[in-house]
Amino acid sequence: MSVLRLDHLAVACTALADGVAAVEDALGVRLAPGGEHPAFGTHNRLLSLGPAEYLEVIAVNPAAAVPGRPRWFDLDRFAGAPRLANWVAACDDVAAALAVSPDGTGVPMELARGDFRWTMAVPDDGRLPFDGVFPALIRWHGAAHPAPRLPDHGLRLTALHLTHPQADALRASLGRLIADPRLTIGAGAPGLSASFSTPAGVRHL
């Protein structure tokens, strides 16, 4: 039985409006409102990928106070065009998942927004293992989850491809944690790419 299951994808950008425009152009749909994360000084917009998965576009919130720690998803060092930068995997026990994850996957933090309550493992330096290609770990508390509340435009994730120079080590780390046929790992520069089925055909990020 898998320890982890895919929860959501994160598209990083330097300005939220730019990231939203890039994703809407690539996928052909409008994103829904998201919210703010005061603990990290970030804000986001959201897109349904079905009843249990979603995509977020996330950026530093220029109106928020500077947090007293590095921002998650390595956003303090993000530069360049909006891109799919991270993925987040859900688990039932963050501490247990961390025990079998690479060093640096993070420290559990309790977070909340509205009626959403979750525990997330956040690296001390903001950067996830394998140059950000390893997933962030999350546990949602209670029944509240963003995905079923978002407008469903018929988009579904069909493939998530991870690349890293240490592909074999990444594959070994993830092999004991998640079994998802959509997930593939190959050698190359650190990065993520994804394919989606949409009413207008296959689209990519």
N, C-alpha and C. Protein backbone atom coordinates (compact mmCIF):
# COMPACT_ATOMS: atom_id res chain seq x y z
N MET A 1 0.85 -1.19 0.00
CA MET A 1 0.00 0.00 0.00
C MET A 1 0.89 1.24 0.00
N SER A 2 0.60 2.21 -0.87
CA SER A 2 1.43 3.40 -0.98
C SER A 2 1.31 4.27 0.28
N VAL A 3 2.43 4.82 0.68
CA VAL A 3 2.44 5.77 1.79
C VAL A 3 1.88 7.11 1.32
N LEU A 4 2.19 7.48 0.06
CA LEU A 4 1.80 8.79 -0.48
C LEU A 4 0.84 8.63 -1.64
N ARG A 5 0.06 9.70 -1.87
CA ARG A 5 -0.80 9.80 -3.06
C ARG A 5 -0.74 11.24 -3.55
N LEU A 6 -0.78 11.40 -4.83
CA LEU A 6 -0.66 12.74 -5.39
C LEU A 6 -1.83 13.61 -4.94
N ASP A 7 -1.51 14.81 -4.48
CA ASP A 7 -2.54 15.73 -3.98
C ASP A 7 -2.69 16.94 -4.89
N HIS A 8 -1.59 17.65 -5.15
CA HIS A 8 -1.68 18.78 -6.07
C HIS A 8 -0.33 19.16 -6.66
N LEU A 9 -0.40 19.95 -7.72
CA LEU A 9 0.77 20.46 -8.42
C LEU A 9 0.91 21.95 -8.11
N ALA A 10 2.16 22.44 -8.12
CA ALA A 10 2.40 23.85 -7.83
C ALA A 10 3.17 24.49 -8.98
N VAL A 11 2.57 25.51 -9.58
CA VAL A 11 3.23 26.33 -10.59
C VAL A 11 3.73 27.60 -9.89
N ALA A 12 5.03 27.81 -9.91
CA ALA A 12 5.63 28.98 -9.27
C ALA A 12 5.80 30.11 -10.26
N CYS A 13 5.78 31.33 -9.75
CA CYS A 13 5.95 32.51 -10.61
C CYS A 13 6.39 33.68 -9.73
N THR A 14 6.92 34.71 -10.37
CA THR A 14 7.36 35.88 -9.61
C THR A 14 6.20 36.83 -9.34
N ALA A 15 5.17 36.82 -10.18
CA ALA A 15 3.96 37.62 -9.97
C ALA A 15 2.76 36.74 -10.25
N LEU A 16 1.81 36.70 -9.34
CA LEU A 16 0.69 35.78 -9.46
C LEU A 16 -0.07 35.98 -10.76
N ALA A 17 -0.29 37.21 -11.17
CA ALA A 17 -1.04 37.47 -12.40
C ALA A 17 -0.35 36.85 -13.61
N ASP A 18 0.98 36.88 -13.63
CA ASP A 18 1.72 36.30 -14.75
C ASP A 18 1.57 34.78 -14.77
N GLY A 19 1.63 34.17 -13.60
CA GLY A 19 1.47 32.72 -13.53
C GLY A 19 0.08 32.28 -13.93
N VAL A 20 -0.92 33.02 -13.49
CA VAL A 20 -2.30 32.71 -13.86
C VAL A 20 -2.48 32.80 -15.37
N ALA A 21 -1.97 33.86 -15.97
CA ALA A 21 -2.10 34.03 -17.41
C ALA A 21 -1.42 32.91 -18.17
N ALA A 22 -0.24 32.49 -17.71
CA ALA A 22 0.50 31.43 -18.39
C ALA A 22 -0.25 30.10 -18.32
N VAL A 23 -0.80 29.76 -17.16
CA VAL A 23 -1.52 28.50 -17.01
C VAL A 23 -2.84 28.53 -17.77
N GLU A 24 -3.54 29.64 -17.71
CA GLU A 24 -4.80 29.72 -18.45
C GLU A 24 -4.57 29.61 -19.95
N ASP A 25 -3.49 30.20 -20.44
CA ASP A 25 -3.18 30.10 -21.86
C ASP A 25 -2.79 28.67 -22.24
N ALA A 26 -2.02 28.02 -21.38
CA ALA A 26 -1.55 26.66 -21.69
C ALA A 26 -2.67 25.63 -21.61
N LEU A 27 -3.57 25.78 -20.65
CA LEU A 27 -4.59 24.76 -20.42
C LEU A 27 -5.97 25.13 -20.93
N GLY A 28 -6.15 26.40 -21.28
CA GLY A 28 -7.40 26.81 -21.92
C GLY A 28 -8.59 26.94 -21.00
N VAL A 29 -8.36 27.17 -19.71
CA VAL A 29 -9.44 27.33 -18.74
C VAL A 29 -9.11 28.48 -17.79
N ARG A 30 -10.12 28.93 -17.06
CA ARG A 30 -9.92 29.99 -16.09
C ARG A 30 -9.67 29.40 -14.71
N LEU A 31 -8.73 30.00 -13.98
CA LEU A 31 -8.45 29.56 -12.62
C LEU A 31 -9.45 30.17 -11.64
N ALA A 32 -9.67 29.47 -10.56
CA ALA A 32 -10.56 29.94 -9.50
C ALA A 32 -9.77 30.74 -8.48
N PRO A 33 -10.46 31.54 -7.66
CA PRO A 33 -9.76 32.24 -6.58
C PRO A 33 -9.08 31.26 -5.64
N GLY A 34 -8.04 31.72 -5.00
CA GLY A 34 -7.35 30.92 -3.99
C GLY A 34 -7.37 31.65 -2.67
N GLY A 35 -6.20 31.95 -2.13
CA GLY A 35 -6.14 32.65 -0.86
C GLY A 35 -4.73 33.06 -0.54
N GLU A 36 -4.52 33.45 0.71
CA GLU A 36 -3.22 33.90 1.18
C GLU A 36 -2.69 32.96 2.26
N HIS A 37 -1.36 32.96 2.39
CA HIS A 37 -0.70 32.12 3.40
C HIS A 37 0.19 33.03 4.24
N PRO A 38 -0.35 33.62 5.30
CA PRO A 38 0.42 34.58 6.09
C PRO A 38 1.73 34.03 6.64
N ALA A 39 1.77 32.75 6.97
CA ALA A 39 2.98 32.18 7.55
C ALA A 39 4.16 32.20 6.59
N PHE A 40 3.86 32.27 5.27
CA PHE A 40 4.91 32.24 4.27
C PHE A 40 4.91 33.46 3.35
N GLY A 41 3.96 34.36 3.54
CA GLY A 41 3.91 35.56 2.71
C GLY A 41 3.64 35.26 1.25
N THR A 42 2.76 34.31 0.98
CA THR A 42 2.45 33.93 -0.39
C THR A 42 0.94 33.98 -0.63
N HIS A 43 0.57 33.93 -1.91
CA HIS A 43 -0.85 33.82 -2.27
C HIS A 43 -0.96 32.96 -3.52
N ASN A 44 -2.19 32.47 -3.80
CA ASN A 44 -2.33 31.54 -4.90
C ASN A 44 -3.69 31.64 -5.60
N ARG A 45 -3.78 30.96 -6.72
CA ARG A 45 -5.03 30.71 -7.45
C ARG A 45 -5.07 29.22 -7.74
N LEU A 46 -6.28 28.68 -7.93
CA LEU A 46 -6.45 27.24 -7.97
C LEU A 46 -7.20 26.76 -9.20
N LEU A 47 -6.98 25.47 -9.53
CA LEU A 47 -7.63 24.84 -10.68
C LEU A 47 -7.92 23.39 -10.34
N SER A 48 -9.15 22.96 -10.56
CA SER A 48 -9.52 21.56 -10.30
C SER A 48 -8.87 20.62 -11.29
N LEU A 49 -8.40 19.48 -10.76
CA LEU A 49 -7.95 18.37 -11.59
C LEU A 49 -8.79 17.13 -11.29
N GLY A 50 -9.99 17.36 -10.79
CA GLY A 50 -10.87 16.27 -10.42
C GLY A 50 -11.28 16.38 -8.97
N PRO A 51 -12.01 15.41 -8.45
CA PRO A 51 -12.56 15.51 -7.09
C PRO A 51 -11.53 15.42 -5.98
N ALA A 52 -10.31 14.96 -6.26
CA ALA A 52 -9.34 14.79 -5.20
C ALA A 52 -7.99 15.42 -5.49
N GLU A 53 -7.84 16.09 -6.64
CA GLU A 53 -6.56 16.69 -7.03
C GLU A 53 -6.78 18.08 -7.59
N TYR A 54 -5.75 18.91 -7.49
CA TYR A 54 -5.87 20.26 -8.04
C TYR A 54 -4.49 20.80 -8.38
N LEU A 55 -4.48 21.95 -9.00
CA LEU A 55 -3.26 22.68 -9.34
C LEU A 55 -3.33 24.04 -8.70
N GLU A 56 -2.21 24.50 -8.18
CA GLU A 56 -2.16 25.86 -7.66
C GLU A 56 -1.07 26.64 -8.38
N VAL A 57 -1.36 27.91 -8.62
CA VAL A 57 -0.35 28.87 -9.06
C VAL A 57 -0.01 29.69 -7.83
N ILE A 58 1.27 29.75 -7.47
CA ILE A 58 1.66 30.36 -6.21
C ILE A 58 2.82 31.33 -6.42
N ALA A 59 2.80 32.42 -5.67
CA ALA A 59 3.83 33.45 -5.79
C ALA A 59 3.97 34.17 -4.46
N VAL A 60 5.08 34.87 -4.30
CA VAL A 60 5.24 35.77 -3.16
C VAL A 60 4.18 36.85 -3.23
N ASN A 61 3.54 37.11 -2.11
CA ASN A 61 2.52 38.15 -2.03
C ASN A 61 3.19 39.47 -1.65
N PRO A 62 3.24 40.43 -2.58
CA PRO A 62 3.96 41.68 -2.27
C PRO A 62 3.29 42.50 -1.18
N ALA A 63 2.03 42.21 -0.88
CA ALA A 63 1.33 42.96 0.15
C ALA A 63 1.48 42.34 1.54
N ALA A 64 2.08 41.16 1.61
CA ALA A 64 2.19 40.45 2.88
C ALA A 64 3.48 40.81 3.61
N ALA A 65 3.45 40.61 4.91
CA ALA A 65 4.66 40.81 5.71
C ALA A 65 5.69 39.75 5.34
N VAL A 66 6.95 40.12 5.42
CA VAL A 66 8.03 39.16 5.14
C VAL A 66 8.06 38.13 6.27
N PRO A 67 7.99 36.84 5.94
CA PRO A 67 7.98 35.82 7.00
C PRO A 67 9.33 35.71 7.67
N GLY A 68 9.32 35.18 8.87
CA GLY A 68 10.57 35.04 9.61
C GLY A 68 11.29 33.75 9.31
N ARG A 69 11.07 33.19 8.13
CA ARG A 69 11.70 31.95 7.72
C ARG A 69 11.67 31.87 6.19
N PRO A 70 12.49 31.02 5.57
CA PRO A 70 12.41 30.87 4.12
C PRO A 70 11.02 30.42 3.68
N ARG A 71 10.57 30.95 2.55
CA ARG A 71 9.25 30.56 2.03
C ARG A 71 9.29 29.14 1.48
N TRP A 72 8.13 28.48 1.52
CA TRP A 72 8.04 27.15 0.95
C TRP A 72 8.20 27.20 -0.56
N PHE A 73 8.42 26.04 -1.17
CA PHE A 73 8.63 25.88 -2.62
C PHE A 73 9.81 26.71 -3.14
N ASP A 74 10.72 27.07 -2.23
CA ASP A 74 11.93 27.81 -2.62
C ASP A 74 11.60 29.11 -3.36
N LEU A 75 10.47 29.73 -3.00
CA LEU A 75 10.03 30.92 -3.72
C LEU A 75 10.93 32.12 -3.52
N ASP A 76 11.70 32.14 -2.45
CA ASP A 76 12.62 33.27 -2.25
C ASP A 76 13.67 33.33 -3.35
N ARG A 77 13.98 32.19 -3.96
CA ARG A 77 15.02 32.14 -4.99
C ARG A 77 14.45 31.92 -6.38
N PHE A 78 13.13 31.94 -6.50
CA PHE A 78 12.54 31.67 -7.81
C PHE A 78 12.80 32.84 -8.76
N ALA A 79 13.11 32.50 -10.01
CA ALA A 79 13.31 33.50 -11.05
C ALA A 79 12.90 32.91 -12.39
N GLY A 80 12.62 33.77 -13.35
CA GLY A 80 12.28 33.30 -14.69
C GLY A 80 10.79 33.24 -14.92
N ALA A 81 10.43 32.60 -16.01
CA ALA A 81 9.02 32.50 -16.40
C ALA A 81 8.28 31.54 -15.48
N PRO A 82 6.95 31.69 -15.38
CA PRO A 82 6.16 30.74 -14.59
C PRO A 82 6.41 29.32 -15.07
N ARG A 83 6.49 28.38 -14.13
CA ARG A 83 6.71 26.99 -14.52
C ARG A 83 6.24 26.04 -13.43
N LEU A 84 5.95 24.83 -13.85
CA LEU A 84 5.62 23.78 -12.91
C LEU A 84 6.87 23.47 -12.10
N ALA A 85 6.84 23.78 -10.81
CA ALA A 85 8.05 23.75 -10.01
C ALA A 85 8.05 22.69 -8.93
N ASN A 86 6.87 22.29 -8.45
CA ASN A 86 6.80 21.35 -7.34
C ASN A 86 5.52 20.52 -7.43
N TRP A 87 5.51 19.44 -6.67
CA TRP A 87 4.29 18.67 -6.50
C TRP A 87 4.15 18.30 -5.04
N VAL A 88 2.93 18.05 -4.64
CA VAL A 88 2.62 17.81 -3.24
C VAL A 88 1.90 16.48 -3.12
N ALA A 89 2.36 15.64 -2.21
CA ALA A 89 1.78 14.31 -2.02
C ALA A 89 1.16 14.22 -0.63
N ALA A 90 -0.03 13.65 -0.59
CA ALA A 90 -0.76 13.52 0.67
C ALA A 90 -0.42 12.20 1.36
N CYS A 91 -0.51 12.22 2.68
CA CYS A 91 -0.27 11.02 3.47
C CYS A 91 -1.18 11.06 4.69
N ASP A 92 -1.28 9.94 5.36
CA ASP A 92 -2.10 9.86 6.57
C ASP A 92 -1.32 10.17 7.83
N ASP A 93 0.01 10.14 7.74
CA ASP A 93 0.87 10.38 8.90
C ASP A 93 2.15 11.04 8.40
N VAL A 94 2.27 12.34 8.59
CA VAL A 94 3.43 13.07 8.08
C VAL A 94 4.72 12.59 8.74
N ALA A 95 4.69 12.36 10.03
CA ALA A 95 5.90 11.92 10.73
C ALA A 95 6.39 10.58 10.19
N ALA A 96 5.45 9.65 9.96
CA ALA A 96 5.83 8.34 9.44
C ALA A 96 6.38 8.46 8.02
N ALA A 97 5.76 9.32 7.20
CA ALA A 97 6.25 9.51 5.84
C ALA A 97 7.64 10.15 5.84
N LEU A 98 7.87 11.11 6.74
CA LEU A 98 9.18 11.74 6.83
C LEU A 98 10.26 10.73 7.23
N ALA A 99 9.88 9.73 8.03
CA ALA A 99 10.85 8.75 8.50
C ALA A 99 11.43 7.93 7.36
N VAL A 100 10.71 7.82 6.25
CA VAL A 100 11.20 7.04 5.10
C VAL A 100 11.44 7.93 3.89
N SER A 101 11.54 9.24 4.12
CA SER A 101 11.82 10.20 3.06
C SER A 101 13.25 10.70 3.18
N PRO A 102 13.81 11.29 2.12
CA PRO A 102 15.19 11.79 2.19
C PRO A 102 15.35 12.88 3.25
N ASP A 103 16.57 13.00 3.76
CA ASP A 103 16.87 14.10 4.68
C ASP A 103 16.55 15.43 4.01
N GLY A 104 16.01 16.34 4.77
CA GLY A 104 15.69 17.66 4.23
C GLY A 104 14.30 17.78 3.68
N THR A 105 13.49 16.71 3.78
CA THR A 105 12.11 16.80 3.27
C THR A 105 11.30 17.81 4.07
N GLY A 106 11.65 18.01 5.33
CA GLY A 106 11.00 19.09 6.05
C GLY A 106 10.65 18.78 7.49
N VAL A 107 10.09 19.78 8.12
CA VAL A 107 9.63 19.70 9.50
C VAL A 107 8.13 19.96 9.48
N PRO A 108 7.32 19.14 10.17
CA PRO A 108 5.87 19.34 10.14
C PRO A 108 5.46 20.70 10.70
N MET A 109 4.58 21.38 9.99
CA MET A 109 4.01 22.64 10.44
C MET A 109 2.49 22.55 10.36
N GLU A 110 1.81 23.07 11.37
CA GLU A 110 0.35 23.09 11.38
C GLU A 110 -0.11 24.40 10.76
N LEU A 111 -0.98 24.30 9.74
CA LEU A 111 -1.41 25.46 8.99
C LEU A 111 -2.92 25.46 8.84
N ALA A 112 -3.47 26.64 8.54
CA ALA A 112 -4.92 26.76 8.39
C ALA A 112 -5.25 27.95 7.50
N ARG A 113 -6.37 27.82 6.78
CA ARG A 113 -6.93 28.94 6.03
C ARG A 113 -8.43 28.68 5.94
N GLY A 114 -9.23 29.58 6.51
CA GLY A 114 -10.67 29.33 6.55
C GLY A 114 -10.94 28.05 7.33
N ASP A 115 -11.72 27.15 6.73
CA ASP A 115 -11.97 25.88 7.41
C ASP A 115 -11.01 24.78 6.98
N PHE A 116 -10.02 25.12 6.16
CA PHE A 116 -8.99 24.14 5.80
C PHE A 116 -7.96 24.05 6.93
N ARG A 117 -7.64 22.82 7.30
CA ARG A 117 -6.62 22.56 8.30
C ARG A 117 -5.70 21.49 7.75
N TRP A 118 -4.38 21.76 7.81
CA TRP A 118 -3.46 20.76 7.28
C TRP A 118 -2.11 20.82 7.98
N THR A 119 -1.42 19.69 7.94
CA THR A 119 -0.03 19.60 8.38
C THR A 119 0.82 19.46 7.13
N MET A 120 1.89 20.24 7.05
CA MET A 120 2.76 20.16 5.88
C MET A 120 4.21 20.11 6.35
N ALA A 121 4.99 19.27 5.71
CA ALA A 121 6.42 19.21 5.98
C ALA A 121 7.11 20.27 5.14
N VAL A 122 7.78 21.20 5.81
CA VAL A 122 8.42 22.32 5.11
C VAL A 122 9.91 22.31 5.41
N PRO A 123 10.76 22.26 4.38
CA PRO A 123 12.21 22.27 4.62
C PRO A 123 12.66 23.57 5.30
N ASP A 124 13.67 23.45 6.15
CA ASP A 124 14.17 24.62 6.85
C ASP A 124 14.66 25.71 5.90
N ASP A 125 15.23 25.29 4.75
CA ASP A 125 15.73 26.28 3.79
C ASP A 125 14.75 26.52 2.64
N GLY A 126 13.57 25.91 2.73
CA GLY A 126 12.54 26.09 1.70
C GLY A 126 12.69 25.21 0.49
N ARG A 127 13.82 24.51 0.38
CA ARG A 127 14.09 23.74 -0.83
C ARG A 127 13.95 22.24 -0.57
N LEU A 128 13.10 21.58 -1.34
CA LEU A 128 12.86 20.16 -1.18
C LEU A 128 14.02 19.34 -1.75
N PRO A 129 14.17 18.08 -1.30
CA PRO A 129 15.26 17.24 -1.80
C PRO A 129 15.24 17.06 -3.32
N PHE A 130 16.37 16.62 -3.83
CA PHE A 130 16.55 16.42 -5.26
C PHE A 130 16.24 17.72 -6.03
N ASP A 131 16.78 18.83 -5.51
CA ASP A 131 16.63 20.13 -6.16
C ASP A 131 15.18 20.51 -6.40
N GLY A 132 14.32 20.14 -5.44
CA GLY A 132 12.91 20.49 -5.52
C GLY A 132 12.05 19.50 -6.27
N VAL A 133 12.63 18.41 -6.76
CA VAL A 133 11.85 17.44 -7.54
C VAL A 133 11.13 16.44 -6.63
N PHE A 134 11.63 16.24 -5.43
CA PHE A 134 10.93 15.38 -4.47
C PHE A 134 9.69 16.11 -3.97
N PRO A 135 8.60 15.38 -3.69
CA PRO A 135 7.36 16.09 -3.32
C PRO A 135 7.37 16.66 -1.91
N ALA A 136 6.61 17.71 -1.73
CA ALA A 136 6.26 18.18 -0.40
C ALA A 136 5.21 17.23 0.17
N LEU A 137 5.21 17.05 1.48
CA LEU A 137 4.28 16.13 2.13
C LEU A 137 3.19 16.91 2.86
N ILE A 138 1.96 16.44 2.72
CA ILE A 138 0.83 17.13 3.33
C ILE A 138 -0.14 16.12 3.93
N ARG A 139 -0.78 16.51 5.01
CA ARG A 139 -1.91 15.76 5.55
C ARG A 139 -3.05 16.72 5.82
N TRP A 140 -4.17 16.49 5.18
CA TRP A 140 -5.36 17.30 5.42
C TRP A 140 -6.10 16.75 6.63
N HIS A 141 -6.64 17.66 7.44
CA HIS A 141 -7.38 17.26 8.64
C HIS A 141 -8.87 17.48 8.40
N GLY A 142 -9.67 16.48 8.71
CA GLY A 142 -11.10 16.59 8.49
C GLY A 142 -11.44 16.39 7.03
N ALA A 143 -12.67 16.71 6.68
CA ALA A 143 -13.16 16.47 5.33
C ALA A 143 -12.87 17.61 4.36
N ALA A 144 -12.51 18.78 4.87
CA ALA A 144 -12.33 19.95 3.99
C ALA A 144 -11.08 19.79 3.13
N HIS A 145 -11.25 19.95 1.82
CA HIS A 145 -10.15 19.85 0.86
C HIS A 145 -10.49 20.77 -0.30
N PRO A 146 -9.50 21.48 -0.87
CA PRO A 146 -9.82 22.43 -1.94
C PRO A 146 -10.44 21.81 -3.19
N ALA A 147 -10.01 20.62 -3.58
CA ALA A 147 -10.38 20.08 -4.89
C ALA A 147 -11.89 20.01 -5.14
N PRO A 148 -12.69 19.42 -4.27
CA PRO A 148 -14.11 19.29 -4.58
C PRO A 148 -14.88 20.61 -4.56
N ARG A 149 -14.27 21.67 -4.08
CA ARG A 149 -14.93 22.97 -4.03
C ARG A 149 -14.66 23.82 -5.28
N LEU A 150 -13.78 23.34 -6.14
CA LEU A 150 -13.40 24.12 -7.32
C LEU A 150 -14.28 23.77 -8.51
N PRO A 151 -14.52 24.73 -9.41
CA PRO A 151 -15.26 24.42 -10.64
C PRO A 151 -14.51 23.34 -11.43
N ASP A 152 -15.23 22.32 -11.85
CA ASP A 152 -14.61 21.22 -12.58
C ASP A 152 -14.78 21.47 -14.08
N HIS A 153 -13.65 21.81 -14.75
CA HIS A 153 -13.66 22.07 -16.18
C HIS A 153 -13.34 20.83 -17.01
N GLY A 154 -13.24 19.69 -16.35
CA GLY A 154 -12.97 18.46 -17.06
C GLY A 154 -11.50 18.16 -17.27
N LEU A 155 -10.60 18.91 -16.63
CA LEU A 155 -9.18 18.63 -16.75
C LEU A 155 -8.79 17.50 -15.81
N ARG A 156 -7.91 16.62 -16.29
CA ARG A 156 -7.39 15.54 -15.47
C ARG A 156 -5.90 15.38 -15.76
N LEU A 157 -5.12 15.17 -14.72
CA LEU A 157 -3.70 14.90 -14.89
C LEU A 157 -3.54 13.50 -15.46
N THR A 158 -2.82 13.37 -16.56
CA THR A 158 -2.58 12.06 -17.16
C THR A 158 -1.14 11.60 -17.02
N ALA A 159 -0.20 12.53 -16.82
CA ALA A 159 1.20 12.16 -16.67
C ALA A 159 1.96 13.23 -15.92
N LEU A 160 2.83 12.80 -15.03
CA LEU A 160 3.75 13.71 -14.33
C LEU A 160 5.14 13.13 -14.50
N HIS A 161 6.02 13.86 -15.18
CA HIS A 161 7.36 13.37 -15.47
C HIS A 161 8.38 14.17 -14.67
N LEU A 162 9.21 13.47 -13.92
CA LEU A 162 10.25 14.08 -13.11
C LEU A 162 11.59 13.79 -13.74
N THR A 163 12.46 14.79 -13.79
CA THR A 163 13.82 14.57 -14.28
C THR A 163 14.82 15.07 -13.24
N HIS A 164 15.95 14.35 -13.16
CA HIS A 164 17.00 14.73 -12.24
C HIS A 164 18.28 13.98 -12.62
N PRO A 165 19.45 14.60 -12.43
CA PRO A 165 20.70 13.89 -12.74
C PRO A 165 20.86 12.59 -11.95
N GLN A 166 20.29 12.54 -10.74
CA GLN A 166 20.34 11.33 -9.92
C GLN A 166 19.00 10.60 -10.01
N ALA A 167 18.61 10.28 -11.23
CA ALA A 167 17.29 9.69 -11.45
C ALA A 167 17.12 8.36 -10.71
N ASP A 168 18.16 7.54 -10.68
CA ASP A 168 18.05 6.25 -10.01
C ASP A 168 17.81 6.42 -8.51
N ALA A 169 18.50 7.36 -7.90
CA ALA A 169 18.32 7.60 -6.47
C ALA A 169 16.92 8.16 -6.19
N LEU A 170 16.46 9.06 -7.06
CA LEU A 170 15.11 9.60 -6.90
C LEU A 170 14.07 8.49 -7.06
N ARG A 171 14.28 7.64 -8.05
CA ARG A 171 13.35 6.53 -8.28
C ARG A 171 13.30 5.60 -7.07
N ALA A 172 14.45 5.35 -6.49
CA ALA A 172 14.50 4.47 -5.32
C ALA A 172 13.79 5.12 -4.12
N SER A 173 13.99 6.41 -3.94
CA SER A 173 13.35 7.12 -2.83
C SER A 173 11.83 7.11 -2.96
N LEU A 174 11.35 7.35 -4.18
CA LEU A 174 9.91 7.42 -4.39
C LEU A 174 9.28 6.03 -4.51
N GLY A 175 10.07 5.04 -4.92
CA GLY A 175 9.52 3.71 -5.15
C GLY A 175 8.92 3.07 -3.91
N ARG A 176 9.45 3.43 -2.74
CA ARG A 176 8.91 2.86 -1.51
C ARG A 176 7.80 3.72 -0.91
N LEU A 177 7.47 4.81 -1.59
CA LEU A 177 6.49 5.74 -1.04
C LEU A 177 5.21 5.87 -1.86
N ILE A 178 5.32 5.80 -3.18
CA ILE A 178 4.14 6.07 -4.01
C ILE A 178 4.13 5.16 -5.22
N ALA A 179 2.94 4.67 -5.54
CA ALA A 179 2.75 3.85 -6.73
C ALA A 179 1.63 4.49 -7.54
N ASP A 180 2.00 5.31 -8.51
CA ASP A 180 1.04 6.01 -9.35
C ASP A 180 1.48 5.83 -10.79
N PRO A 181 0.68 5.17 -11.62
CA PRO A 181 1.11 4.89 -12.99
C PRO A 181 1.35 6.14 -13.83
N ARG A 182 0.87 7.28 -13.39
CA ARG A 182 1.07 8.53 -14.13
C ARG A 182 2.46 9.10 -13.91
N LEU A 183 3.17 8.61 -12.90
CA LEU A 183 4.45 9.17 -12.50
C LEU A 183 5.59 8.44 -13.18
N THR A 184 6.46 9.21 -13.86
CA THR A 184 7.65 8.64 -14.47
C THR A 184 8.86 9.48 -14.08
N ILE A 185 10.03 8.84 -14.09
CA ILE A 185 11.26 9.50 -13.66
C ILE A 185 12.34 9.23 -14.70
N GLY A 186 13.05 10.27 -15.10
CA GLY A 186 14.11 10.12 -16.08
C GLY A 186 15.31 10.98 -15.73
N ALA A 187 16.43 10.71 -16.39
CA ALA A 187 17.65 11.47 -16.16
C ALA A 187 17.60 12.78 -16.94
N GLY A 188 18.14 13.84 -16.33
CA GLY A 188 18.17 15.14 -16.98
C GLY A 188 18.31 16.24 -15.96
N ALA A 189 18.23 17.47 -16.42
CA ALA A 189 18.26 18.60 -15.50
C ALA A 189 17.07 18.54 -14.57
N PRO A 190 17.20 19.00 -13.31
CA PRO A 190 16.07 18.94 -12.38
C PRO A 190 14.84 19.66 -12.94
N GLY A 191 13.71 18.97 -12.94
CA GLY A 191 12.51 19.61 -13.44
C GLY A 191 11.30 18.69 -13.42
N LEU A 192 10.14 19.30 -13.68
CA LEU A 192 8.87 18.58 -13.74
C LEU A 192 8.14 19.01 -15.00
N SER A 193 7.39 18.09 -15.57
CA SER A 193 6.48 18.41 -16.66
C SER A 193 5.23 17.56 -16.50
N ALA A 194 4.12 18.05 -16.98
CA ALA A 194 2.85 17.35 -16.79
C ALA A 194 2.01 17.43 -18.04
N SER A 195 1.20 16.40 -18.24
CA SER A 195 0.23 16.36 -19.33
C SER A 195 -1.16 16.21 -18.75
N PHE A 196 -2.13 16.80 -19.45
CA PHE A 196 -3.51 16.81 -18.97
C PHE A 196 -4.46 16.48 -20.11
N SER A 197 -5.50 15.73 -19.79
CA SER A 197 -6.59 15.61 -20.75
C SER A 197 -7.56 16.73 -20.45
N THR A 198 -8.02 17.40 -21.51
CA THR A 198 -8.96 18.51 -21.39
C THR A 198 -10.04 18.36 -22.45
N PRO A 199 -11.15 19.05 -22.33
CA PRO A 199 -12.17 18.99 -23.36
C PRO A 199 -11.67 19.42 -24.73
N ALA A 200 -10.56 20.18 -24.76
CA ALA A 200 -9.98 20.63 -26.01
C ALA A 200 -8.82 19.77 -26.47
N GLY A 201 -8.58 18.65 -25.80
CA GLY A 201 -7.50 17.77 -26.16
C GLY A 201 -6.40 17.76 -25.13
N VAL A 202 -5.27 17.15 -25.45
CA VAL A 202 -4.16 17.04 -24.52
C VAL A 202 -3.42 18.38 -24.44
N ARG A 203 -3.14 18.82 -23.21
CA ARG A 203 -2.37 20.04 -22.97
C ARG A 203 -1.22 19.72 -22.03
N HIS A 204 -0.22 20.59 -22.03
CA HIS A 204 1.00 20.32 -21.27
C HIS A 204 1.45 21.54 -20.48
N LEU A 205 2.16 21.28 -19.40
CA LEU A 205 2.86 22.30 -18.61
C LEU A 205 4.29 21.82 -18.41
